[in-house]
Amino acid sequence: MITAGERSNACSRTRRSSIPERLDRVIVSTSHASIEISWDARQRLLDQLRRLDSARDLVAKFEGVGASRPVDLTQDEEALLVDVIDAWTRDLGGTAAPAGILELRRALLLDFVDRSGDS
């Protein structure tokens, strides 16, 4: 006999497996690339951003786009995001950042370099 809890777990697993993989990702647009990060990496990044009052608008952008549209950032938001990623990776010590986070940082830094070359 299957218990209600077992039935619920089985239904939950079935629902998760039927969700297209593309919905488990978030895309962040930079002028150099569209960087894809996993939903888990997004959640962990949001945990870091929520520590800062100055990141409220940025948090809202990440929460607002879901998986269907890319997150578009202003220059100030890009700078804040790089600072947050830098602090986060320092806090991690020898532990690796979630997949896509360092690639995102790299793309954002390339945007800064391009803008500084334009002036």
Protein backbone atom coordinates (compact mmCIF):
# COMPACT_ATOMS: atom_id res chain seq x y z
CA MET A 1 0.00 0.00 0.00
CA ILE A 2 1.31 3.48 -0.93
CA THR A 3 1.02 6.12 1.74
CA ALA A 4 -0.09 9.68 1.02
CA GLY A 5 3.47 10.90 1.63
CA GLU A 6 4.92 8.41 -0.85
CA ARG A 7 2.29 9.38 -3.43
CA SER A 8 3.07 13.06 -2.91
CA ASN A 9 6.81 12.42 -3.30
CA ALA A 10 6.25 10.40 -6.48
CA CYS A 11 4.03 13.11 -7.96
CA SER A 12 6.57 15.77 -7.04
CA ARG A 13 9.39 13.82 -8.74
CA THR A 14 7.23 13.35 -11.84
CA ARG A 15 6.38 17.05 -12.00
CA ARG A 16 10.03 18.06 -11.62
CA SER A 17 11.15 15.69 -14.32
CA SER A 18 8.49 17.02 -16.70
CA ILE A 19 9.67 20.62 -16.34
CA PRO A 20 11.87 21.55 -19.29
CA GLU A 21 15.50 22.03 -18.33
CA ARG A 22 15.49 25.58 -19.74
CA LEU A 23 13.16 26.59 -16.89
CA ASP A 24 15.83 25.58 -14.39
CA ARG A 25 18.12 28.34 -15.64
CA VAL A 26 18.40 32.11 -15.60
CA ILE A 27 20.16 34.13 -18.29
CA VAL A 28 22.00 37.35 -17.49
CA SER A 29 22.72 39.57 -20.49
CA THR A 30 25.96 41.47 -20.85
CA SER A 31 27.33 43.15 -23.95
CA HIS A 32 29.77 40.24 -24.34
CA ALA A 33 27.60 37.25 -23.70
CA SER A 34 24.42 35.85 -22.31
CA ILE A 35 25.50 33.94 -19.24
CA GLU A 36 23.35 31.07 -18.09
CA ILE A 37 23.30 30.15 -14.42
CA SER A 38 21.35 27.38 -12.75
CA TRP A 39 18.32 28.13 -10.62
CA ASP A 40 20.31 26.97 -7.60
CA ALA A 41 23.16 29.39 -8.44
CA ARG A 42 20.56 32.17 -8.84
CA GLN A 43 19.13 31.35 -5.41
CA ARG A 44 22.57 31.38 -3.82
CA LEU A 45 23.43 34.66 -5.55
CA LEU A 46 20.16 36.16 -4.32
CA ASP A 47 21.07 35.06 -0.77
CA GLN A 48 24.25 37.12 -1.10
CA LEU A 49 22.49 40.13 -2.65
CA ARG A 50 19.76 40.19 0.01
CA ARG A 51 22.40 41.04 2.61
CA LEU A 52 22.68 44.52 1.08
CA ASP A 53 19.97 47.18 1.20
CA SER A 54 21.59 48.71 -1.88
CA ALA A 55 20.82 45.53 -3.86
CA ARG A 56 17.03 45.63 -3.45
CA ASP A 57 16.39 46.66 -7.07
CA LEU A 58 18.82 44.06 -8.35
CA VAL A 59 17.14 41.34 -6.29
CA ALA A 60 13.79 42.42 -7.71
CA LYS A 61 15.15 42.10 -11.25
CA PHE A 62 16.38 38.55 -10.65
CA GLU A 63 13.10 37.61 -8.99
CA GLY A 64 11.02 39.27 -11.68
CA VAL A 65 12.39 37.69 -14.82
CA GLY A 66 12.01 34.02 -14.00
CA ALA A 67 13.45 31.76 -16.67
CA SER A 68 11.74 33.19 -19.74
CA ARG A 69 13.67 36.46 -20.25
CA PRO A 70 17.23 37.54 -19.55
CA VAL A 71 18.15 39.76 -16.63
CA ASP A 72 19.27 43.10 -18.07
CA LEU A 73 21.53 45.16 -15.81
CA THR A 74 22.44 48.82 -15.56
CA GLN A 75 26.11 49.77 -15.21
CA ASP A 76 25.63 50.40 -11.49
CA GLU A 77 23.98 47.02 -11.03
CA GLU A 78 26.83 45.35 -12.93
CA ALA A 79 29.35 47.00 -10.60
CA LEU A 80 27.39 45.96 -7.52
CA LEU A 81 27.08 42.41 -8.81
CA VAL A 82 30.84 42.15 -9.37
CA ASP A 83 31.47 43.45 -5.84
CA VAL A 84 29.03 40.94 -4.37
CA ILE A 85 30.54 38.04 -6.35
CA ASP A 86 34.05 39.09 -5.27
CA ALA A 87 33.06 39.19 -1.59
CA TRP A 88 31.19 35.90 -1.92
CA THR A 89 34.12 34.07 -3.50
CA ARG A 90 36.43 35.42 -0.77
CA ASP A 91 34.01 34.09 1.84
CA LEU A 92 33.97 30.70 0.12
CA GLY A 93 37.72 30.36 0.61
CA GLY A 94 38.80 27.27 -1.28
CA THR A 95 35.25 26.19 -2.12
CA ALA A 96 34.17 26.72 -5.71
CA ALA A 97 31.42 29.17 -6.57
CA PRO A 98 28.33 27.72 -8.25
CA ALA A 99 28.61 27.04 -11.97
CA GLY A 100 28.20 30.15 -14.08
CA ILE A 101 28.92 32.67 -11.32
CA LEU A 102 32.59 33.23 -12.21
CA GLU A 103 31.71 33.30 -15.91
CA LEU A 104 29.17 36.01 -15.13
CA ARG A 105 31.79 38.00 -13.24
CA ARG A 106 34.22 37.67 -16.15
CA ALA A 107 31.63 38.91 -18.68
CA LEU A 108 30.74 41.86 -16.45
CA LEU A 109 34.41 42.81 -16.10
CA LEU A 110 34.81 42.69 -19.88
CA ASP A 111 31.94 45.18 -20.12
CA PHE A 112 33.83 47.50 -17.73
CA VAL A 113 37.00 47.23 -19.80
CA ASP A 114 35.10 48.05 -22.98
CA ARG A 115 33.42 51.07 -21.42
CA SER A 116 36.71 52.40 -20.03
CA GLY A 117 38.25 52.07 -23.51
CA ASP A 118 35.42 54.11 -25.00
CA SER A 119 36.19 57.18 -22.91
